Every structure is written in structure tokens, then in C-alpha cells.
Amino acid sequence: MSSTLTQVRKAKGEELLDTICRSMNLMEKDYFGLIYEDKHDLRNWLDLDRRIGKFVKS
């Protein structure tokens, strides 16, 4: 489990979006994005060019 979490944290947002779109059989991923909640419970768009670990705290 921890190795999977480590791999996810090292991935870029675009890789996560690709994985999610593939699992849902979505052809046009350009219409979708990912949102996360920060430590103040504010919703923000995930920057697809940055590593997920920058946004996810353990």
C-alpha cells in the first residue's frame, strides 16, 4: 500500500487524470479536471503539470 501511495505522490496530475479517464472509459479528457481541498477546506483545481505530492499531505 505505501509503495502505491509513493508512486501516486510522484506522478503528475495529468497522469492521474489519464488513469481516471481510462478507468471510466472517457474518450475526451479535455473537458475534465481534478479538484482537491486544501487545509482550509477550500477547493482548488489540481495543476496537471505538477506532481501530486505537492498537493497531498500525509
C-alpha atoms as a PDB file:
ATOM      1  CA  MET A   1       0.000   0.000   0.000  1.00  0.00           C
ATOM      2  CA  SER A   2       2.717   2.523   0.906  1.00  0.00           C
ATOM      3  CA  SER A   3       4.613   1.843  -2.330  1.00  0.00           C
ATOM      4  CA  THR A   4       1.434   2.588  -4.292  1.00  0.00           C
ATOM      5  CA  LEU A   5       0.972   5.832  -2.371  1.00  0.00           C
ATOM      6  CA  THR A   6       4.597   6.765  -3.062  1.00  0.00           C
ATOM      7  CA  GLN A   7       4.107   6.145  -6.788  1.00  0.00           C
ATOM      8  CA  VAL A   8       0.948   8.250  -6.832  1.00  0.00           C
ATOM      9  CA  ARG A   9       2.641  11.112  -4.989  1.00  0.00           C
ATOM     10  CA  LYS A  10       5.446  11.144  -7.583  1.00  0.00           C
ATOM     11  CA  ALA A  11       3.020  11.184 -10.528  1.00  0.00           C
ATOM     12  CA  LYS A  12       1.927  14.382 -12.211  1.00  0.00           C
ATOM     13  CA  GLY A  13      -1.686  15.478 -12.129  1.00  0.00           C
ATOM     14  CA  GLU A  14      -2.062  14.694 -15.823  1.00  0.00           C
ATOM     15  CA  GLU A  15      -1.076  11.066 -15.204  1.00  0.00           C
ATOM     16  CA  LEU A  16      -3.742  10.763 -12.509  1.00  0.00           C
ATOM     17  CA  LEU A  17      -6.367  12.324 -14.768  1.00  0.00           C
ATOM     18  CA  ASP A  18      -5.365   9.937 -17.589  1.00  0.00           C
ATOM     19  CA  THR A  19      -5.714   6.946 -15.251  1.00  0.00           C
ATOM     20  CA  ILE A  20      -9.132   8.067 -14.032  1.00  0.00           C
ATOM     21  CA  CYS A  21     -10.387   8.761 -17.569  1.00  0.00           C
ATOM     22  CA  ARG A  22      -9.180   5.351 -18.768  1.00  0.00           C
ATOM     23  CA  SER A  23     -10.908   3.588 -15.868  1.00  0.00           C
ATOM     24  CA  MET A  24     -14.161   5.397 -16.699  1.00  0.00           C
ATOM     25  CA  ASN A  25     -13.766   4.853 -20.470  1.00  0.00           C
ATOM     26  CA  LEU A  26     -13.827   8.608 -21.134  1.00  0.00           C
ATOM     27  CA  MET A  27     -12.557   9.499 -24.588  1.00  0.00           C
ATOM     28  CA  GLU A  28     -12.439  13.299 -24.258  1.00  0.00           C
ATOM     29  CA  LYS A  29     -10.475  14.156 -21.135  1.00  0.00           C
ATOM     30  CA  ASP A  30     -10.063  17.775 -22.266  1.00  0.00           C
ATOM     31  CA  TYR A  31     -13.436  18.603 -20.745  1.00  0.00           C
ATOM     32  CA  PHE A  32     -12.484  17.400 -17.250  1.00  0.00           C
ATOM     33  CA  GLY A  33     -10.132  18.356 -14.454  1.00  0.00           C
ATOM     34  CA  LEU A  34      -9.377  17.420 -10.872  1.00  0.00           C
ATOM     35  CA  ILE A  35     -10.226  19.374  -7.734  1.00  0.00           C
ATOM     36  CA  TYR A  36      -8.696  18.967  -4.282  1.00  0.00           C
ATOM     37  CA  GLU A  37      -9.474  20.513  -0.901  1.00  0.00           C
ATOM     38  CA  ASP A  38      -6.650  22.338   0.847  1.00  0.00           C
ATOM     39  CA  LYS A  39      -6.040  22.541   4.595  1.00  0.00           C
ATOM     40  CA  HIS A  40      -8.578  25.372   4.847  1.00  0.00           C
ATOM     41  CA  ASP A  41     -11.272  23.245   3.137  1.00  0.00           C
ATOM     42  CA  LEU A  42     -11.096  25.429   0.015  1.00  0.00           C
ATOM     43  CA  ARG A  43     -11.487  23.709  -3.334  1.00  0.00           C
ATOM     44  CA  ASN A  44      -8.743  24.247  -5.897  1.00  0.00           C
ATOM     45  CA  TRP A  45      -8.037  22.936  -9.373  1.00  0.00           C
ATOM     46  CA  LEU A  46      -5.165  20.479  -9.421  1.00  0.00           C
ATOM     47  CA  ASP A  47      -2.317  21.763 -11.604  1.00  0.00           C
ATOM     48  CA  LEU A  48      -1.902  18.922 -14.100  1.00  0.00           C
ATOM     49  CA  ASP A  49       1.750  19.852 -14.767  1.00  0.00           C
ATOM     50  CA  ARG A  50       2.844  19.476 -11.134  1.00  0.00           C
ATOM     51  CA  ARG A  51       3.489  16.398  -9.009  1.00  0.00           C
ATOM     52  CA  ILE A  52       0.535  15.259  -6.925  1.00  0.00           C
ATOM     53  CA  GLY A  53       2.736  15.145  -3.823  1.00  0.00           C
ATOM     54  CA  LYS A  54       2.780  18.953  -3.839  1.00  0.00           C
ATOM     55  CA  PHE A  55      -0.941  18.943  -3.070  1.00  0.00           C
ATOM     56  CA  VAL A  56      -1.423  15.784  -0.995  1.00  0.00           C
ATOM     57  CA  LYS A  57      -0.181  15.801   2.578  1.00  0.00           C
ATOM     58  CA  SER A  58       0.286  12.571   4.521  1.00  0.00           C
END
